[in-house]
Structures are given as structure tokens and as C-alpha cells.
C-alpha atoms as a PDB file:
ATOM      1  CA  UNK A   1      -5.526 127.826  20.193  1.00  0.00           C
ATOM      2  CA  UNK A   2      -4.392 128.606  23.752  1.00  0.00           C
ATOM      3  CA  UNK A   3      -1.946 126.220  25.407  1.00  0.00           C
ATOM      4  CA  UNK A   4      -4.524 124.967  27.944  1.00  0.00           C
ATOM      5  CA  UNK A   5      -6.913 124.098  25.102  1.00  0.00           C
ATOM      6  CA  UNK A   6      -4.121 122.194  23.351  1.00  0.00           C
ATOM      7  CA  UNK A   7      -3.351 120.318  26.575  1.00  0.00           C
ATOM      8  CA  UNK A   8      -7.042 119.478  27.120  1.00  0.00           C
ATOM      9  CA  UNK A   9      -7.412 118.322  23.521  1.00  0.00           C
ATOM     10  CA  UNK A  10      -4.321 116.119  23.867  1.00  0.00           C
ATOM     11  CA  UNK A  11      -5.571 114.640  27.146  1.00  0.00           C
ATOM     12  CA  UNK A  12      -8.997 113.921  25.628  1.00  0.00           C
ATOM     13  CA  UNK A  13      -7.329 112.235  22.647  1.00  0.00           C
ATOM     14  CA  UNK A  14      -5.247 110.073  25.001  1.00  0.00           C
ATOM     15  CA  UNK A  15      -8.386 109.147  26.973  1.00  0.00           C
ATOM     16  CA  UNK A  16     -10.300 108.227  23.817  1.00  0.00           C
ATOM     17  CA  UNK A  17      -7.414 106.028  22.647  1.00  0.00           C
ATOM     18  CA  UNK A  18      -7.245 104.210  25.986  1.00  0.00           C
ATOM     19  CA  UNK A  19     -11.013 103.908  26.187  1.00  0.00           C
ATOM     20  CA  UNK A  20     -11.171 102.431  22.676  1.00  0.00           C
ATOM     21  CA  UNK A  21      -8.246 100.085  23.345  1.00  0.00           C
ATOM     22  CA  UNK A  22      -9.777  98.662  26.525  1.00  0.00           C
ATOM     23  CA  UNK A  23     -13.296  98.474  25.090  1.00  0.00           C
ATOM     24  CA  UNK A  24     -12.287  96.907  21.786  1.00  0.00           C
ATOM     25  CA  UNK A  25      -9.941  94.412  23.443  1.00  0.00           C
ATOM     26  CA  UNK A  26     -12.810  93.144  25.614  1.00  0.00           C
ATOM     27  CA  UNK A  27     -15.175  93.223  22.616  1.00  0.00           C
ATOM     28  CA  UNK A  28     -12.806  91.111  20.462  1.00  0.00           C
ATOM     29  CA  UNK A  29     -12.366  88.613  23.299  1.00  0.00           C
ATOM     30  CA  UNK A  30     -16.139  88.400  23.678  1.00  0.00           C
ATOM     31  CA  UNK A  31     -16.824  87.661  20.007  1.00  0.00           C
ATOM     32  CA  UNK A  32     -13.980  85.127  19.912  1.00  0.00           C
ATOM     33  CA  UNK A  33     -15.327  83.372  23.028  1.00  0.00           C
ATOM     34  CA  UNK A  34     -18.783  83.288  21.387  1.00  0.00           C
ATOM     35  CA  UNK A  35     -17.374  81.831  18.156  1.00  0.00           C
ATOM     36  CA  UNK A  36     -18.492  84.790  16.036  1.00  0.00           C
ATOM     37  CA  UNK A  37     -16.757  86.723  13.265  1.00  0.00           C
ATOM     38  CA  UNK A  38     -16.630  90.510  13.115  1.00  0.00           C
ATOM     39  CA  UNK A  39     -19.059  90.412  10.176  1.00  0.00           C
ATOM     40  CA  UNK A  40     -21.495  88.246  12.121  1.00  0.00           C
ATOM     41  CA  UNK A  41     -21.293  90.583  15.097  1.00  0.00           C
ATOM     42  CA  UNK A  42     -21.790  93.529  12.742  1.00  0.00           C
ATOM     43  CA  UNK A  43     -24.916  91.854  11.382  1.00  0.00           C
ATOM     44  CA  UNK A  44     -26.252  91.253  14.898  1.00  0.00           C
ATOM     45  CA  UNK A  45     -25.604  94.914  15.791  1.00  0.00           C
ATOM     46  CA  UNK A  46     -27.318  96.071  12.605  1.00  0.00           C
ATOM     47  CA  UNK A  47     -30.375  93.931  13.348  1.00  0.00           C
ATOM     48  CA  UNK A  48     -30.340  95.161  16.953  1.00  0.00           C
ATOM     49  CA  UNK A  49     -30.407  98.812  15.795  1.00  0.00           C
ATOM     50  CA  UNK A  50     -33.150  98.320  13.208  1.00  0.00           C
ATOM     51  CA  UNK A  51     -35.279  95.768  15.069  1.00  0.00           C
ATOM     52  CA  UNK A  52     -36.331  94.049  11.842  1.00  0.00           C
ATOM     53  CA  UNK A  53     -34.491  94.061   8.521  1.00  0.00           C
ATOM     54  CA  UNK A  54     -33.946  92.123   5.305  1.00  0.00           C
ATOM     55  CA  UNK A  55     -30.940  90.227   3.972  1.00  0.00           C
ATOM     56  CA  UNK A  56     -30.257  93.053   1.529  1.00  0.00           C
ATOM     57  CA  UNK A  57     -30.336  95.578   4.401  1.00  0.00           C
ATOM     58  CA  UNK A  58     -27.618  93.571   6.159  1.00  0.00           C
ATOM     59  CA  UNK A  59     -25.591  93.340   2.968  1.00  0.00           C
ATOM     60  CA  UNK A  60     -25.884  97.093   2.401  1.00  0.00           C
ATOM     61  CA  UNK A  61     -24.966  97.881   6.006  1.00  0.00           C
ATOM     62  CA  UNK A  62     -21.890  95.630   5.970  1.00  0.00           C
ATOM     63  CA  UNK A  63     -20.878  96.353   2.378  1.00  0.00           C
ATOM     64  CA  UNK A  64     -21.154  92.735   1.261  1.00  0.00           C
ATOM     65  CA  UNK A  65     -23.100  91.038  -1.509  1.00  0.00           C
ATOM     66  CA  UNK A  66     -26.610  89.744  -0.944  1.00  0.00           C
ATOM     67  CA  UNK A  67     -25.272  86.211  -1.473  1.00  0.00           C
ATOM     68  CA  UNK A  68     -22.658  86.650   1.275  1.00  0.00           C
ATOM     69  CA  UNK A  69     -25.258  88.256   3.552  1.00  0.00           C
ATOM     70  CA  UNK A  70     -27.621  85.362   2.878  1.00  0.00           C
ATOM     71  CA  UNK A  71     -24.959  82.805   3.834  1.00  0.00           C
ATOM     72  CA  UNK A  72     -24.182  84.749   7.013  1.00  0.00           C
ATOM     73  CA  UNK A  73     -27.864  84.953   7.900  1.00  0.00           C
ATOM     74  CA  UNK A  74     -28.177  81.179   7.435  1.00  0.00           C
ATOM     75  CA  UNK A  75     -25.266  80.564   9.843  1.00  0.00           C
ATOM     76  CA  UNK A  76     -26.757  82.951  12.416  1.00  0.00           C
ATOM     77  CA  UNK A  77     -30.142  81.209  12.097  1.00  0.00           C
ATOM     78  CA  UNK A  78     -28.448  77.818  12.702  1.00  0.00           C
ATOM     79  CA  UNK A  79     -26.734  79.284  15.781  1.00  0.00           C
ATOM     80  CA  UNK A  80     -30.137  80.370  17.098  1.00  0.00           C
ATOM     81  CA  UNK A  81     -29.186  84.069  17.144  1.00  0.00           C
ATOM     82  CA  UNK A  82     -31.668  85.332  14.556  1.00  0.00           C
ATOM     83  CA  UNK A  83     -34.926  84.182  13.013  1.00  0.00           C
ATOM     84  CA  UNK A  84     -36.456  84.675   9.565  1.00  0.00           C
ATOM     85  CA  UNK A  85     -40.151  85.238   9.068  1.00  0.00           C
ATOM     86  CA  UNK A  86     -42.287  86.261   6.124  1.00  0.00           C
ATOM     87  CA  UNK A  87     -42.972  89.936   5.649  1.00  0.00           C
ATOM     88  CA  UNK A  88     -46.758  90.258   6.046  1.00  0.00           C
ATOM     89  CA  UNK A  89     -46.825  92.893   3.291  1.00  0.00           C
ATOM     90  CA  UNK A  90     -44.791  90.847   0.783  1.00  0.00           C
ATOM     91  CA  UNK A  91     -44.446  87.105   1.371  1.00  0.00           C
ATOM     92  CA  UNK A  92     -41.453  86.963  -1.016  1.00  0.00           C
ATOM     93  CA  UNK A  93     -39.427  89.093   1.409  1.00  0.00           C
ATOM     94  CA  UNK A  94     -38.043  87.577   4.589  1.00  0.00           C
ATOM     95  CA  UNK A  95     -37.836  89.630   7.781  1.00  0.00           C
ATOM     96  CA  UNK A  96     -34.857  89.047  10.025  1.00  0.00           C
ATOM     97  CA  UNK A  97     -34.859  89.729  13.745  1.00  0.00           C
ATOM     98  CA  UNK A  98     -32.872  88.754  16.807  1.00  0.00           C
ATOM     99  CA  UNK A  99     -33.939  85.831  18.951  1.00  0.00           C
ATOM    100  CA  UNK A 100     -33.737  86.056  22.738  1.00  0.00           C
ATOM    101  CA  UNK A 101     -30.323  84.400  22.462  1.00  0.00           C
ATOM    102  CA  UNK A 102     -29.298  87.011  19.867  1.00  0.00           C
ATOM    103  CA  UNK A 103     -30.381  89.833  22.179  1.00  0.00           C
ATOM    104  CA  UNK A 104     -28.358  88.255  24.987  1.00  0.00           C
ATOM    105  CA  UNK A 105     -25.251  88.115  22.774  1.00  0.00           C
ATOM    106  CA  UNK A 106     -25.600  91.769  21.766  1.00  0.00           C
ATOM    107  CA  UNK A 107     -26.146  92.844  25.383  1.00  0.00           C
ATOM    108  CA  UNK A 108     -23.207  90.691  26.434  1.00  0.00           C
ATOM    109  CA  UNK A 109     -20.986  92.445  23.917  1.00  0.00           C
ATOM    110  CA  UNK A 110     -21.968  95.838  25.372  1.00  0.00           C
ATOM    111  CA  UNK A 111     -21.245  94.584  28.868  1.00  0.00           C
ATOM    112  CA  UNK A 112     -17.878  93.192  27.765  1.00  0.00           C
ATOM    113  CA  UNK A 113     -16.937  96.564  26.273  1.00  0.00           C
ATOM    114  CA  UNK A 114     -17.790  98.415  29.456  1.00  0.00           C
ATOM    115  CA  UNK A 115     -16.803  95.928  32.162  1.00  0.00           C
ATOM    116  CA  UNK A 116     -13.403  97.516  32.666  1.00  0.00           C
ATOM    117  CA  UNK A 117     -15.052 100.834  33.596  1.00  0.00           C
ATOM    118  CA  UNK A 118     -16.171  99.298  36.890  1.00  0.00           C
ATOM    119  CA  UNK A 119     -12.564  98.331  37.589  1.00  0.00           C
ATOM    120  CA  UNK A 120     -11.448 101.870  36.782  1.00  0.00           C
ATOM    121  CA  UNK A 121     -14.041 103.487  39.039  1.00  0.00           C
ATOM    122  CA  UNK A 122     -13.199 101.061  41.865  1.00  0.00           C
ATOM    123  CA  UNK A 123      -9.607 102.316  41.744  1.00  0.00           C
ATOM    124  CA  UNK A 124     -10.704 105.916  42.497  1.00  0.00           C
ATOM    125  CA  UNK A 125     -10.838 107.434  45.934  1.00  0.00           C
ATOM    126  CA  UNK A 126     -14.220 108.928  46.896  1.00  0.00           C
ATOM    127  CA  UNK A 127     -12.878 112.441  46.164  1.00  0.00           C
ATOM    128  CA  UNK A 128     -11.563 111.333  42.759  1.00  0.00           C
ATOM    129  CA  UNK A 129     -14.956 109.801  41.970  1.00  0.00           C
ATOM    130  CA  UNK A 130     -16.702 113.108  42.694  1.00  0.00           C
ATOM    131  CA  UNK A 131     -14.161 115.051  40.638  1.00  0.00           C
ATOM    132  CA  UNK A 132     -14.376 112.649  37.672  1.00  0.00           C
ATOM    133  CA  UNK A 133     -18.177 112.596  37.865  1.00  0.00           C
ATOM    134  CA  UNK A 134     -18.400 116.398  37.752  1.00  0.00           C
ATOM    135  CA  UNK A 135     -15.958 116.590  34.844  1.00  0.00           C
ATOM    136  CA  UNK A 136     -17.811 113.919  32.862  1.00  0.00           C
ATOM    137  CA  UNK A 137     -21.195 115.576  33.469  1.00  0.00           C
ATOM    138  CA  UNK A 138     -19.742 118.800  32.045  1.00  0.00           C
ATOM    139  CA  UNK A 139     -18.290 116.893  29.088  1.00  0.00           C
ATOM    140  CA  UNK A 140     -21.659 115.233  28.422  1.00  0.00           C
ATOM    141  CA  UNK A 141     -23.500 118.552  28.670  1.00  0.00           C
ATOM    142  CA  UNK A 142     -21.134 120.307  26.248  1.00  0.00           C
ATOM    143  CA  UNK A 143     -21.198 117.373  23.835  1.00  0.00           C
ATOM    144  CA  UNK A 144     -24.997 117.392  23.804  1.00  0.00           C
ATOM    145  CA  UNK A 145     -25.014 121.168  23.262  1.00  0.00           C
ATOM    146  CA  UNK A 146     -22.854 120.720  20.161  1.00  0.00           C
ATOM    147  CA  UNK A 147     -25.560 118.526  18.683  1.00  0.00           C
ATOM    148  CA  UNK A 148     -25.062 117.309  15.165  1.00  0.00           C
ATOM    149  CA  UNK A 149     -25.354 113.885  13.698  1.00  0.00           C
ATOM    150  CA  UNK A 150     -23.758 110.794  15.133  1.00  0.00           C
ATOM    151  CA  UNK A 151     -24.084 107.578  13.137  1.00  0.00           C
ATOM    152  CA  UNK A 152     -26.903 109.067  11.066  1.00  0.00           C
ATOM    153  CA  UNK A 153     -28.908 109.971  14.166  1.00  0.00           C
ATOM    154  CA  UNK A 154     -29.479 113.409  15.678  1.00  0.00           C
END
């Protein structure tokens, strides 16, 4: 690997580390401020991605027992973040979906993760903004050209 490729790889790794640090720090603060656990937030994210799911789907996604998932679902229902309804195809199965409040919490977590980006961009000069924008558009284009699966999606 040429030296410039090594340097670019190293710089990208440093950027990813900083990006993750800033994003996750804000994310952890957000869930703490909203009195949620990581598992509860994981459940909300799982429901957000699927739209509608079952208790066993949540358990499978989070790697917890159905009993633990059921207890978590009950707490999230009491907090007004999710609702349970009967599955029209099988009344024994309960469907779980986010409430409006649940959607707001999920969206708030995304905003918390990305809020610092506005601060970063505000620190750039106009010329730096143009340069960073061009570089990121190239990075996005090349990443999309690579294709492949990300999180089970293509």
C-alpha cells in the first residue's frame, strides 16, 4: 500500500474515532436525560426500523429472553413510548409499535448524535466548508460504489 494510502487510511480511522466519540457521548447523555437504559433504547430503535414487531422479535434483536423483552416492553408501554395491539391475523400475538412520543424520542436521539456536527461546520471558514463538502461528496460516492451489505441492508 503506498504511503499516501496509508496516511489517508490513518486519517479516516482518526476521523471515525472522533465522530463515534462525539456522537456516542451525546447519545449516552440523551438516553440518560430521558431516563432510558441502553436496552430500552435498543428496543425503541429496533421497533423504529421494523415499524411493527413482536416481543420475541425484540428479544431476538437484543439477544435477551422473551421474558426479559416482555418486562422491557411493559415498562416502555407505561412510559408511553410504545403501544401493544392485537395482530389482526392472530389475536394471540401482540404487535408493538412506537407511539408519537416514542417517535419523538428516537428522532431526538438522532438529533443528539448529530448536533455537534453543526458546531463543527460553524467553525469552518467558507473555503474550508467548500473543501470539506467536496471531499465528503467524493467519499459518499466511492462508498456507495463499493456497495455491499450494511446492517443486513443493501
